[in-house]
Amino acid sequence: MASASSSAESRLQRQRRRQLLEAARSRYQLLSYQEKGALVDELVELSGYHRKSVLRGLHQGEDFGFAASDR
């Protein structure tokens, strides 16, 4: 039972991370260079993704899949 629960939690965490990046994407485009850096730092801290993964997610949009990096 515990593995089914942890699997559901993992899926939920991935959804939250994706929602976090989607919400930040439009804001990111409007920011200055220095503000973008601060936002990326914040997203790295909140999501647990590497900085490059966050940047790819912000630039590539919905097509970008994070499933492989969640392992």
PDB file of N, CA and C in Angstrom:
ATOM      1  N   MET A   1       0.809  -1.193   0.000  1.00  0.00           N
ATOM      2  CA  MET A   1       0.000   0.000   0.000  1.00  0.00           C
ATOM      3  C   MET A   1       0.854   1.259   0.000  1.00  0.00           C
ATOM      4  N   ALA A   2       1.973   1.226   0.710  1.00  0.00           N
ATOM      5  CA  ALA A   2       2.804   2.416   0.833  1.00  0.00           C
ATOM      6  C   ALA A   2       3.350   2.850  -0.521  1.00  0.00           C
ATOM      7  N   SER A   3       3.681   1.907  -1.417  1.00  0.00           N
ATOM      8  CA  SER A   3       4.235   2.285  -2.710  1.00  0.00           C
ATOM      9  C   SER A   3       3.188   2.974  -3.580  1.00  0.00           C
ATOM     10  N   ALA A   4       1.936   2.552  -3.502  1.00  0.00           N
ATOM     11  CA  ALA A   4       0.868   3.217  -4.255  1.00  0.00           C
ATOM     12  C   ALA A   4       0.669   4.630  -3.738  1.00  0.00           C
ATOM     13  N   SER A   5       0.763   4.799  -2.439  1.00  0.00           N
ATOM     14  CA  SER A   5       0.617   6.119  -1.841  1.00  0.00           C
ATOM     15  C   SER A   5       1.772   7.031  -2.243  1.00  0.00           C
ATOM     16  N   SER A   6       2.994   6.508  -2.196  1.00  0.00           N
ATOM     17  CA  SER A   6       4.148   7.326  -2.558  1.00  0.00           C
ATOM     18  C   SER A   6       4.145   7.644  -4.046  1.00  0.00           C
ATOM     19  N   SER A   7       3.632   6.728  -4.863  1.00  0.00           N
ATOM     20  CA  SER A   7       3.525   6.985  -6.295  1.00  0.00           C
ATOM     21  C   SER A   7       2.541   8.117  -6.572  1.00  0.00           C
ATOM     22  N   ALA A   8       1.425   8.111  -5.872  1.00  0.00           N
ATOM     23  CA  ALA A   8       0.437   9.177  -6.032  1.00  0.00           C
ATOM     24  C   ALA A   8       1.000  10.506  -5.545  1.00  0.00           C
ATOM     25  N   GLU A   9       1.744  10.484  -4.456  1.00  0.00           N
ATOM     26  CA  GLU A   9       2.365  11.710  -3.940  1.00  0.00           C
ATOM     27  C   GLU A   9       3.391  12.247  -4.922  1.00  0.00           C
ATOM     28  N   SER A  10       4.163  11.352  -5.514  1.00  0.00           N
ATOM     29  CA  SER A  10       5.180  11.747  -6.485  1.00  0.00           C
ATOM     30  C   SER A  10       4.529  12.410  -7.699  1.00  0.00           C
ATOM     31  N   ARG A  11       3.437  11.825  -8.169  1.00  0.00           N
ATOM     32  CA  ARG A  11       2.711  12.390  -9.304  1.00  0.00           C
ATOM     33  C   ARG A  11       2.161  13.766  -8.961  1.00  0.00           C
ATOM     34  N   LEU A  12       1.647  13.908  -7.754  1.00  0.00           N
ATOM     35  CA  LEU A  12       1.110  15.178  -7.297  1.00  0.00           C
ATOM     36  C   LEU A  12       2.215  16.228  -7.213  1.00  0.00           C
ATOM     37  N   GLN A  13       3.386  15.831  -6.735  1.00  0.00           N
ATOM     38  CA  GLN A  13       4.514  16.762  -6.658  1.00  0.00           C
ATOM     39  C   GLN A  13       4.935  17.236  -8.051  1.00  0.00           C
ATOM     40  N   ARG A  14       4.963  16.305  -9.009  1.00  0.00           N
ATOM     41  CA  ARG A  14       5.306  16.683 -10.385  1.00  0.00           C
ATOM     42  C   ARG A  14       4.290  17.662 -10.938  1.00  0.00           C
ATOM     43  N   GLN A  15       3.017  17.437 -10.664  1.00  0.00           N
ATOM     44  CA  GLN A  15       1.962  18.351 -11.124  1.00  0.00           C
ATOM     45  C   GLN A  15       2.156  19.733 -10.513  1.00  0.00           C
ATOM     46  N   ARG A  16       2.466  19.789  -9.240  1.00  0.00           N
ATOM     47  CA  ARG A  16       2.661  21.081  -8.573  1.00  0.00           C
ATOM     48  C   ARG A  16       3.856  21.818  -9.146  1.00  0.00           C
ATOM     49  N   ARG A  17       4.929  21.096  -9.416  1.00  0.00           N
ATOM     50  CA  ARG A  17       6.106  21.729 -10.007  1.00  0.00           C
ATOM     51  C   ARG A  17       5.779  22.299 -11.379  1.00  0.00           C
ATOM     52  N   ARG A  18       5.074  21.515 -12.167  1.00  0.00           N
ATOM     53  CA  ARG A  18       4.700  21.964 -13.509  1.00  0.00           C
ATOM     54  C   ARG A  18       3.802  23.192 -13.415  1.00  0.00           C
ATOM     55  N   GLN A  19       2.851  23.192 -12.490  1.00  0.00           N
ATOM     56  CA  GLN A  19       1.965  24.341 -12.308  1.00  0.00           C
ATOM     57  C   GLN A  19       2.761  25.565 -11.876  1.00  0.00           C
ATOM     58  N   LEU A  20       3.740  25.360 -11.044  1.00  0.00           N
ATOM     59  CA  LEU A  20       4.591  26.453 -10.583  1.00  0.00           C
ATOM     60  C   LEU A  20       5.309  27.104 -11.761  1.00  0.00           C
ATOM     61  N   LEU A  21       5.882  26.288 -12.637  1.00  0.00           N
ATOM     62  CA  LEU A  21       6.579  26.823 -13.808  1.00  0.00           C
ATOM     63  C   LEU A  21       5.614  27.496 -14.782  1.00  0.00           C
ATOM     64  N   GLU A  22       4.455  26.911 -14.978  1.00  0.00           N
ATOM     65  CA  GLU A  22       3.466  27.514 -15.874  1.00  0.00           C
ATOM     66  C   GLU A  22       3.035  28.884 -15.372  1.00  0.00           C
ATOM     67  N   ALA A  23       2.851  29.001 -14.080  1.00  0.00           N
ATOM     68  CA  ALA A  23       2.442  30.279 -13.493  1.00  0.00           C
ATOM     69  C   ALA A  23       3.550  31.321 -13.617  1.00  0.00           C
ATOM     70  N   ALA A  24       4.795  30.895 -13.532  1.00  0.00           N
ATOM     71  CA  ALA A  24       5.918  31.829 -13.578  1.00  0.00           C
ATOM     72  C   ALA A  24       6.290  32.224 -15.006  1.00  0.00           C
ATOM     73  N   ARG A  25       5.895  31.420 -15.983  1.00  0.00           N
ATOM     74  CA  ARG A  25       6.316  31.637 -17.372  1.00  0.00           C
ATOM     75  C   ARG A  25       5.931  33.025 -17.894  1.00  0.00           C
ATOM     76  N   SER A  26       4.695  33.435 -17.722  1.00  0.00           N
ATOM     77  CA  SER A  26       4.270  34.738 -18.252  1.00  0.00           C
ATOM     78  C   SER A  26       4.933  35.878 -17.480  1.00  0.00           C
ATOM     79  N   ARG A  27       5.110  35.701 -16.197  1.00  0.00           N
ATOM     80  CA  ARG A  27       5.766  36.707 -15.371  1.00  0.00           C
ATOM     81  C   ARG A  27       7.239  36.866 -15.779  1.00  0.00           C
ATOM     82  N   TYR A  28       7.884  35.747 -16.076  1.00  0.00           N
ATOM     83  CA  TYR A  28       9.297  35.723 -16.438  1.00  0.00           C
ATOM     84  C   TYR A  28       9.565  36.604 -17.656  1.00  0.00           C
ATOM     85  N   GLN A  29       8.687  36.554 -18.642  1.00  0.00           N
ATOM     86  CA  GLN A  29       8.875  37.297 -19.883  1.00  0.00           C
ATOM     87  C   GLN A  29       8.866  38.805 -19.674  1.00  0.00           C
ATOM     88  N   LEU A  30       8.216  39.275 -18.631  1.00  0.00           N
ATOM     89  CA  LEU A  30       8.081  40.704 -18.390  1.00  0.00           C
ATOM     90  C   LEU A  30       9.196  41.288 -17.515  1.00  0.00           C
ATOM     91  N   LEU A  31      10.032  40.436 -16.950  1.00  0.00           N
ATOM     92  CA  LEU A  31      11.033  40.884 -15.981  1.00  0.00           C
ATOM     93  C   LEU A  31      12.330  41.334 -16.642  1.00  0.00           C
ATOM     94  N   SER A  32      13.088  42.154 -15.909  1.00  0.00           N
ATOM     95  CA  SER A  32      14.422  42.553 -16.360  1.00  0.00           C
ATOM     96  C   SER A  32      15.377  41.369 -16.160  1.00  0.00           C
ATOM     97  N   TYR A  33      16.571  41.521 -16.685  1.00  0.00           N
ATOM     98  CA  TYR A  33      17.580  40.465 -16.598  1.00  0.00           C
ATOM     99  C   TYR A  33      17.849  40.053 -15.146  1.00  0.00           C
ATOM    100  N   GLN A  34      18.040  41.031 -14.276  1.00  0.00           N
ATOM    101  CA  GLN A  34      18.331  40.739 -12.866  1.00  0.00           C
ATOM    102  C   GLN A  34      17.129  40.109 -12.163  1.00  0.00           C
ATOM    103  N   GLU A  35      15.939  40.580 -12.484  1.00  0.00           N
ATOM    104  CA  GLU A  35      14.731  40.016 -11.870  1.00  0.00           C
ATOM    105  C   GLU A  35      14.495  38.588 -12.340  1.00  0.00           C
ATOM    106  N   LYS A  36      14.841  38.315 -13.593  1.00  0.00           N
ATOM    107  CA  LYS A  36      14.709  36.947 -14.107  1.00  0.00           C
ATOM    108  C   LYS A  36      15.605  35.994 -13.319  1.00  0.00           C
ATOM    109  N   GLY A  37      16.821  36.448 -13.030  1.00  0.00           N
ATOM    110  CA  GLY A  37      17.748  35.623 -12.253  1.00  0.00           C
ATOM    111  C   GLY A  37      17.201  35.308 -10.873  1.00  0.00           C
ATOM    112  N   ALA A  38      16.593  36.315 -10.248  1.00  0.00           N
ATOM    113  CA  ALA A  38      16.011  36.110  -8.915  1.00  0.00           C
ATOM    114  C   ALA A  38      14.836  35.138  -8.982  1.00  0.00           C
ATOM    115  N   LEU A  39      14.014  35.258 -10.033  1.00  0.00           N
ATOM    116  CA  LEU A  39      12.876  34.347 -10.185  1.00  0.00           C
ATOM    117  C   LEU A  39      13.357  32.919 -10.414  1.00  0.00           C
ATOM    118  N   VAL A  40      14.362  32.756 -11.236  1.00  0.00           N
ATOM    119  CA  VAL A  40      14.911  31.415 -11.490  1.00  0.00           C
ATOM    120  C   VAL A  40      15.463  30.811 -10.197  1.00  0.00           C
ATOM    121  N   ASP A  41      16.169  31.614  -9.420  1.00  0.00           N
ATOM    122  CA  ASP A  41      16.677  31.139  -8.124  1.00  0.00           C
ATOM    123  C   ASP A  41      15.530  30.656  -7.241  1.00  0.00           C
ATOM    124  N   GLU A  42      14.457  31.423  -7.212  1.00  0.00           N
ATOM    125  CA  GLU A  42      13.290  31.071  -6.400  1.00  0.00           C
ATOM    126  C   GLU A  42      12.649  29.773  -6.888  1.00  0.00           C
ATOM    127  N   LEU A  43      12.533  29.620  -8.207  1.00  0.00           N
ATOM    128  CA  LEU A  43      11.931  28.408  -8.763  1.00  0.00           C
ATOM    129  C   LEU A  43      12.796  27.178  -8.509  1.00  0.00           C
ATOM    130  N   VAL A  44      14.097  27.344  -8.567  1.00  0.00           N
ATOM    131  CA  VAL A  44      15.011  26.229  -8.261  1.00  0.00           C
ATOM    132  C   VAL A  44      14.802  25.778  -6.827  1.00  0.00           C
ATOM    133  N   GLU A  45      14.712  26.747  -5.939  1.00  0.00           N
ATOM    134  CA  GLU A  45      14.514  26.438  -4.513  1.00  0.00           C
ATOM    135  C   GLU A  45      13.179  25.742  -4.271  1.00  0.00           C
ATOM    136  N   LEU A  46      12.122  26.237  -4.893  1.00  0.00           N
ATOM    137  CA  LEU A  46      10.790  25.688  -4.647  1.00  0.00           C
ATOM    138  C   LEU A  46      10.555  24.346  -5.331  1.00  0.00           C
ATOM    139  N   SER A  47      11.081  24.198  -6.543  1.00  0.00           N
ATOM    140  CA  SER A  47      10.777  23.000  -7.319  1.00  0.00           C
ATOM    141  C   SER A  47      11.751  21.854  -7.072  1.00  0.00           C
ATOM    142  N   GLY A  48      12.990  22.191  -6.731  1.00  0.00           N
ATOM    143  CA  GLY A  48      13.995  21.147  -6.581  1.00  0.00           C
ATOM    144  C   GLY A  48      14.656  20.783  -7.901  1.00  0.00           C
ATOM    145  N   TYR A  49      14.264  21.429  -8.996  1.00  0.00           N
ATOM    146  CA  TYR A  49      14.884  21.192 -10.290  1.00  0.00           C
ATOM    147  C   TYR A  49      16.222  21.903 -10.358  1.00  0.00           C
ATOM    148  N   HIS A  50      17.086  21.440 -11.236  1.00  0.00           N
ATOM    149  CA  HIS A  50      18.330  22.140 -11.506  1.00  0.00           C
ATOM    150  C   HIS A  50      18.011  23.426 -12.255  1.00  0.00           C
ATOM    151  N   ARG A  51      18.890  24.383 -12.152  1.00  0.00           N
ATOM    152  CA  ARG A  51      18.691  25.689 -12.771  1.00  0.00           C
ATOM    153  C   ARG A  51      18.437  25.568 -14.280  1.00  0.00           C
ATOM    154  N   LYS A  52      19.208  24.745 -14.963  1.00  0.00           N
ATOM    155  CA  LYS A  52      19.054  24.588 -16.414  1.00  0.00           C
ATOM    156  C   LYS A  52      17.681  24.005 -16.753  1.00  0.00           C
ATOM    157  N   SER A  53      17.181  23.102 -15.945  1.00  0.00           N
ATOM    158  CA  SER A  53      15.856  22.524 -16.185  1.00  0.00           C
ATOM    159  C   SER A  53      14.766  23.577 -16.023  1.00  0.00           C
ATOM    160  N   VAL A  54      14.926  24.443 -15.035  1.00  0.00           N
ATOM    161  CA  VAL A  54      13.956  25.519 -14.830  1.00  0.00           C
ATOM    162  C   VAL A  54      13.966  26.448 -16.037  1.00  0.00           C
ATOM    163  N   LEU A  55      15.160  26.815 -16.503  1.00  0.00           N
ATOM    164  CA  LEU A  55      15.258  27.704 -17.661  1.00  0.00           C
ATOM    165  C   LEU A  55      14.637  27.074 -18.905  1.00  0.00           C
ATOM    166  N   ARG A  56      14.885  25.812 -19.111  1.00  0.00           N
ATOM    167  CA  ARG A  56      14.267  25.126 -20.264  1.00  0.00           C
ATOM    168  C   ARG A  56      12.751  25.146 -20.147  1.00  0.00           C
ATOM    169  N   GLY A  57      12.250  24.885 -18.971  1.00  0.00           N
ATOM    170  CA  GLY A  57      10.804  24.897 -18.756  1.00  0.00           C
ATOM    171  C   GLY A  57      10.197  26.259 -18.997  1.00  0.00           C
ATOM    172  N   LEU A  58      10.895  27.298 -18.596  1.00  0.00           N
ATOM    173  CA  LEU A  58      10.387  28.659 -18.799  1.00  0.00           C
ATOM    174  C   LEU A  58      10.425  29.056 -20.271  1.00  0.00           C
ATOM    175  N   HIS A  59      11.424  28.588 -21.001  1.00  0.00           N
ATOM    176  CA  HIS A  59      11.577  28.979 -22.399  1.00  0.00           C
ATOM    177  C   HIS A  59      10.767  28.107 -23.349  1.00  0.00           C
ATOM    178  N   GLN A  60      10.660  26.825 -23.069  1.00  0.00           N
ATOM    179  CA  GLN A  60      10.025  25.913 -24.010  1.00  0.00           C
ATOM    180  C   GLN A  60       8.541  25.746 -23.775  1.00  0.00           C
ATOM    181  N   GLY A  61       8.071  26.084 -22.630  1.00  0.00           N
ATOM    182  CA  GLY A  61       6.640  26.025 -22.376  1.00  0.00           C
ATOM    183  C   GLY A  61       6.109  24.642 -22.124  1.00  0.00           C
ATOM    184  N   GLU A  62       4.864  24.433 -22.507  1.00  0.00           N
ATOM    185  CA  GLU A  62       4.143  23.205 -22.171  1.00  0.00           C
ATOM    186  C   GLU A  62       4.721  21.962 -22.821  1.00  0.00           C
ATOM    187  N   ASP A  63       5.447  22.103 -23.947  1.00  0.00           N
ATOM    188  CA  ASP A  63       6.005  20.933 -24.623  1.00  0.00           C
ATOM    189  C   ASP A  63       7.074  20.258 -23.784  1.00  0.00           C
ATOM    190  N   PHE A  64       7.630  21.011 -22.854  1.00  0.00           N
ATOM    191  CA  PHE A  64       8.758  20.501 -22.091  1.00  0.00           C
ATOM    192  C   PHE A  64       8.286  19.529 -21.027  1.00  0.00           C
ATOM    193  N   GLY A  65       8.793  18.298 -21.068  1.00  0.00           N
ATOM    194  CA  GLY A  65       8.425  17.296 -20.086  1.00  0.00           C
ATOM    195  C   GLY A  65       9.472  17.180 -19.005  1.00  0.00           C
ATOM    196  N   PHE A  66       9.052  17.129 -17.765  1.00  0.00           N
ATOM    197  CA  PHE A  66       9.994  17.023 -16.657  1.00  0.00           C
ATOM    198  C   PHE A  66      10.035  15.616 -16.092  1.00  0.00           C
ATOM    199  N   ALA A  67       9.308  14.682 -16.662  1.00  0.00           N
ATOM    200  CA  ALA A  67       9.206  13.350 -16.069  1.00  0.00           C
ATOM    201  C   ALA A  67      10.574  12.691 -15.914  1.00  0.00           C
ATOM    202  N   ALA A  68      11.443  12.814 -16.899  1.00  0.00           N
ATOM    203  CA  ALA A  68      12.730  12.144 -16.830  1.00  0.00           C
ATOM    204  C   ALA A  68      13.618  12.710 -15.727  1.00  0.00           C
ATOM    205  N   SER A  69      13.512  14.001 -15.453  1.00  0.00           N
ATOM    206  CA  SER A  69      14.370  14.594 -14.430  1.00  0.00           C
ATOM    207  C   SER A  69      13.834  14.389 -13.017  1.00  0.00           C
ATOM    208  N   ASP A  70      12.647  13.845 -12.893  1.00  0.00           N
ATOM    209  CA  ASP A  70      12.058  13.606 -11.574  1.00  0.00           C
ATOM    210  C   ASP A  70      12.540  12.313 -10.960  1.00  0.00           C
ATOM    211  N   ARG A  71      13.278  11.536 -11.699  1.00  0.00           N
ATOM    212  CA  ARG A  71      13.722  10.217 -11.193  1.00  0.00           C
ATOM    213  C   ARG A  71      14.817  10.337 -10.207  1.00  0.00           C
TER     214      ARG A  71
END
